[in-house]
Amino acid sequence: MTREEIIEKVNNLLSEEFEVDLGELTPDANIKETLALDSLSLVDLVALVQQNYKIKIPVADLPSIQTFNDLYNYIESHLPA
């Protein structure tokens, strides 16, 4: 899966799940602010990513995922080969 495919799939999933316009999902945007996430909806986001990409996101890694670009990088670097 290419980076472009990851970005497109993530953005479409998050736009649909959190009812946010695709135009708001820019690489440098803060995920929590853009998606108006509270702690419960953050769990939903993690579950959505884990389910769609078959990767595990440990709670300890969450602080390093602040922007959409961070999320794309995380997914890209943890995808099974």
N, C-alpha and C. Protein backbone atom coordinates (compact mmCIF):
# COMPACT_ATOMS: atom_id res chain seq x y z
N MET A 1 0.85 -1.18 0.00
CA MET A 1 0.00 0.00 0.00
C MET A 1 0.89 1.24 0.00
N THR A 2 0.63 2.15 -0.93
CA THR A 2 1.44 3.35 -1.02
C THR A 2 0.98 4.38 0.02
N ARG A 3 1.82 5.36 0.25
CA ARG A 3 1.47 6.42 1.20
C ARG A 3 0.20 7.15 0.75
N GLU A 4 0.09 7.39 -0.55
CA GLU A 4 -1.09 8.07 -1.07
C GLU A 4 -2.36 7.26 -0.79
N GLU A 5 -2.26 5.94 -0.94
CA GLU A 5 -3.41 5.07 -0.65
C GLU A 5 -3.77 5.11 0.83
N ILE A 6 -2.75 5.13 1.67
CA ILE A 6 -2.98 5.22 3.13
C ILE A 6 -3.70 6.52 3.44
N ILE A 7 -3.20 7.63 2.93
CA ILE A 7 -3.80 8.94 3.20
C ILE A 7 -5.25 8.98 2.73
N GLU A 8 -5.49 8.51 1.52
CA GLU A 8 -6.85 8.53 0.97
C GLU A 8 -7.80 7.67 1.81
N LYS A 9 -7.37 6.47 2.16
CA LYS A 9 -8.22 5.56 2.93
C LYS A 9 -8.48 6.10 4.33
N VAL A 10 -7.42 6.58 5.00
CA VAL A 10 -7.57 7.13 6.36
C VAL A 10 -8.53 8.31 6.33
N ASN A 11 -8.31 9.23 5.41
CA ASN A 11 -9.16 10.42 5.34
C ASN A 11 -10.62 10.07 5.08
N ASN A 12 -10.85 9.13 4.17
CA ASN A 12 -12.23 8.73 3.88
C ASN A 12 -12.87 8.06 5.10
N LEU A 13 -12.14 7.19 5.78
CA LEU A 13 -12.66 6.53 6.98
C LEU A 13 -13.01 7.55 8.06
N LEU A 14 -12.08 8.44 8.33
CA LEU A 14 -12.28 9.41 9.41
C LEU A 14 -13.35 10.43 9.06
N SER A 15 -13.40 10.84 7.81
CA SER A 15 -14.42 11.80 7.38
C SER A 15 -15.81 11.20 7.58
N GLU A 16 -15.96 9.95 7.21
CA GLU A 16 -17.26 9.28 7.34
C GLU A 16 -17.60 9.01 8.82
N GLU A 17 -16.64 8.47 9.56
CA GLU A 17 -16.88 8.09 10.95
C GLU A 17 -17.17 9.29 11.85
N PHE A 18 -16.42 10.37 11.66
CA PHE A 18 -16.53 11.52 12.55
C PHE A 18 -17.29 12.69 11.91
N GLU A 19 -17.84 12.46 10.72
CA GLU A 19 -18.66 13.45 10.02
C GLU A 19 -17.96 14.81 9.88
N VAL A 20 -16.76 14.74 9.31
CA VAL A 20 -15.94 15.93 9.09
C VAL A 20 -15.67 16.04 7.59
N ASP A 21 -15.67 17.26 7.08
CA ASP A 21 -15.39 17.50 5.67
C ASP A 21 -13.95 17.07 5.34
N LEU A 22 -13.80 16.37 4.23
CA LEU A 22 -12.47 15.91 3.81
C LEU A 22 -11.46 17.04 3.72
N GLY A 23 -11.91 18.23 3.36
CA GLY A 23 -11.01 19.38 3.24
C GLY A 23 -10.36 19.80 4.55
N GLU A 24 -10.96 19.41 5.67
CA GLU A 24 -10.39 19.75 6.98
C GLU A 24 -9.26 18.80 7.40
N LEU A 25 -9.15 17.67 6.72
CA LEU A 25 -8.17 16.66 7.09
C LEU A 25 -6.85 16.91 6.35
N THR A 26 -6.13 17.91 6.82
CA THR A 26 -4.84 18.25 6.21
C THR A 26 -3.72 17.62 7.02
N PRO A 27 -2.58 17.35 6.39
CA PRO A 27 -1.49 16.64 7.09
C PRO A 27 -1.05 17.28 8.40
N ASP A 28 -1.02 18.61 8.46
CA ASP A 28 -0.53 19.28 9.67
C ASP A 28 -1.61 19.61 10.69
N ALA A 29 -2.86 19.28 10.39
CA ALA A 29 -3.96 19.56 11.32
C ALA A 29 -3.88 18.64 12.53
N ASN A 30 -4.26 19.18 13.68
CA ASN A 30 -4.29 18.39 14.91
C ASN A 30 -5.50 17.45 14.86
N ILE A 31 -5.26 16.18 15.08
CA ILE A 31 -6.33 15.18 14.98
C ILE A 31 -7.44 15.43 15.99
N LYS A 32 -7.06 15.62 17.25
CA LYS A 32 -8.07 15.78 18.30
C LYS A 32 -8.94 17.01 18.07
N GLU A 33 -8.32 18.12 17.67
CA GLU A 33 -9.07 19.35 17.43
C GLU A 33 -9.95 19.24 16.18
N THR A 34 -9.39 18.71 15.10
CA THR A 34 -10.11 18.63 13.84
C THR A 34 -11.33 17.71 13.94
N LEU A 35 -11.15 16.58 14.63
CA LEU A 35 -12.24 15.61 14.75
C LEU A 35 -13.06 15.80 16.02
N ALA A 36 -12.70 16.82 16.83
CA ALA A 36 -13.38 17.09 18.10
C ALA A 36 -13.44 15.83 18.97
N LEU A 37 -12.27 15.20 19.16
CA LEU A 37 -12.19 13.94 19.89
C LEU A 37 -12.14 14.14 21.40
N ASP A 38 -12.92 13.35 22.11
CA ASP A 38 -12.74 13.22 23.55
C ASP A 38 -12.08 11.86 23.77
N SER A 39 -11.89 11.46 25.00
CA SER A 39 -11.16 10.22 25.24
C SER A 39 -11.89 9.00 24.67
N LEU A 40 -13.21 9.02 24.70
CA LEU A 40 -13.98 7.89 24.16
C LEU A 40 -13.89 7.82 22.64
N SER A 41 -14.01 8.95 21.98
CA SER A 41 -13.92 8.93 20.52
C SER A 41 -12.49 8.67 20.04
N LEU A 42 -11.50 8.97 20.88
CA LEU A 42 -10.12 8.62 20.55
C LEU A 42 -9.97 7.10 20.49
N VAL A 43 -10.64 6.41 21.41
CA VAL A 43 -10.64 4.95 21.40
C VAL A 43 -11.29 4.44 20.11
N ASP A 44 -12.36 5.10 19.68
CA ASP A 44 -13.01 4.72 18.42
C ASP A 44 -12.05 4.88 17.24
N LEU A 45 -11.30 5.97 17.23
CA LEU A 45 -10.35 6.21 16.15
C LEU A 45 -9.30 5.11 16.13
N VAL A 46 -8.74 4.78 17.29
CA VAL A 46 -7.72 3.73 17.38
C VAL A 46 -8.29 2.40 16.89
N ALA A 47 -9.49 2.06 17.33
CA ALA A 47 -10.13 0.80 16.93
C ALA A 47 -10.35 0.77 15.41
N LEU A 48 -10.77 1.88 14.85
CA LEU A 48 -11.01 1.98 13.41
C LEU A 48 -9.73 1.72 12.63
N VAL A 49 -8.64 2.35 13.06
CA VAL A 49 -7.35 2.18 12.38
C VAL A 49 -6.87 0.73 12.54
N GLN A 50 -6.97 0.22 13.76
CA GLN A 50 -6.50 -1.15 14.01
C GLN A 50 -7.29 -2.16 13.17
N GLN A 51 -8.58 -1.96 13.08
CA GLN A 51 -9.44 -2.89 12.34
C GLN A 51 -9.15 -2.82 10.84
N ASN A 52 -8.96 -1.64 10.31
CA ASN A 52 -8.78 -1.48 8.87
C ASN A 52 -7.37 -1.79 8.38
N TYR A 53 -6.39 -1.64 9.26
CA TYR A 53 -5.00 -1.84 8.83
C TYR A 53 -4.34 -3.04 9.50
N LYS A 54 -5.07 -3.72 10.39
CA LYS A 54 -4.54 -4.91 11.07
C LYS A 54 -3.21 -4.62 11.78
N ILE A 55 -3.16 -3.42 12.41
CA ILE A 55 -1.99 -3.07 13.22
C ILE A 55 -2.48 -2.73 14.62
N LYS A 56 -1.61 -2.87 15.59
CA LYS A 56 -1.93 -2.57 16.98
C LYS A 56 -1.31 -1.23 17.33
N ILE A 57 -2.09 -0.35 17.95
CA ILE A 57 -1.57 0.93 18.41
C ILE A 57 -1.60 0.92 19.94
N PRO A 58 -0.45 0.69 20.57
CA PRO A 58 -0.41 0.70 22.03
C PRO A 58 -0.71 2.09 22.58
N VAL A 59 -1.34 2.14 23.75
CA VAL A 59 -1.67 3.41 24.39
C VAL A 59 -0.42 4.29 24.54
N ALA A 60 0.71 3.67 24.80
CA ALA A 60 1.96 4.41 24.98
C ALA A 60 2.37 5.18 23.72
N ASP A 61 1.89 4.75 22.56
CA ASP A 61 2.25 5.42 21.30
C ASP A 61 1.33 6.60 20.97
N LEU A 62 0.19 6.68 21.62
CA LEU A 62 -0.78 7.73 21.28
C LEU A 62 -0.25 9.15 21.42
N PRO A 63 0.53 9.47 22.46
CA PRO A 63 1.03 10.86 22.55
C PRO A 63 1.88 11.30 21.36
N SER A 64 2.47 10.34 20.64
CA SER A 64 3.31 10.71 19.49
C SER A 64 2.49 10.92 18.22
N ILE A 65 1.19 10.65 18.29
CA ILE A 65 0.32 10.82 17.12
C ILE A 65 -0.58 12.04 17.36
N GLN A 66 -0.09 13.19 16.94
CA GLN A 66 -0.82 14.45 17.16
C GLN A 66 -1.50 14.98 15.90
N THR A 67 -0.81 14.84 14.76
CA THR A 67 -1.36 15.37 13.50
C THR A 67 -1.74 14.20 12.58
N PHE A 68 -2.45 14.52 11.53
CA PHE A 68 -2.80 13.48 10.56
C PHE A 68 -1.54 12.91 9.92
N ASN A 69 -0.54 13.74 9.70
CA ASN A 69 0.72 13.27 9.15
C ASN A 69 1.36 12.24 10.08
N ASP A 70 1.31 12.50 11.39
CA ASP A 70 1.83 11.53 12.37
C ASP A 70 1.11 10.19 12.23
N LEU A 71 -0.21 10.26 12.04
CA LEU A 71 -1.00 9.04 11.91
C LEU A 71 -0.63 8.30 10.63
N TYR A 72 -0.50 9.02 9.51
CA TYR A 72 -0.10 8.38 8.26
C TYR A 72 1.27 7.71 8.42
N ASN A 73 2.21 8.42 9.03
CA ASN A 73 3.56 7.87 9.24
C ASN A 73 3.50 6.61 10.10
N TYR A 74 2.71 6.66 11.16
CA TYR A 74 2.59 5.53 12.08
C TYR A 74 2.06 4.31 11.33
N ILE A 75 0.98 4.50 10.58
CA ILE A 75 0.39 3.39 9.84
C ILE A 75 1.39 2.84 8.83
N GLU A 76 2.00 3.75 8.09
CA GLU A 76 2.97 3.33 7.05
C GLU A 76 4.12 2.52 7.64
N SER A 77 4.61 2.93 8.80
CA SER A 77 5.77 2.24 9.39
C SER A 77 5.40 0.96 10.13
N HIS A 78 4.11 0.74 10.39
CA HIS A 78 3.70 -0.46 11.12
C HIS A 78 2.92 -1.47 10.28
N LEU A 79 2.72 -1.17 9.01
CA LEU A 79 2.02 -2.13 8.15
C LEU A 79 2.84 -3.38 7.99
N PRO A 80 2.18 -4.55 7.98
CA PRO A 80 2.92 -5.78 7.74
C PRO A 80 3.55 -5.76 6.35
N ALA A 81 4.71 -6.31 6.26
CA ALA A 81 5.45 -6.30 4.97
C ALA A 81 4.79 -7.23 3.96
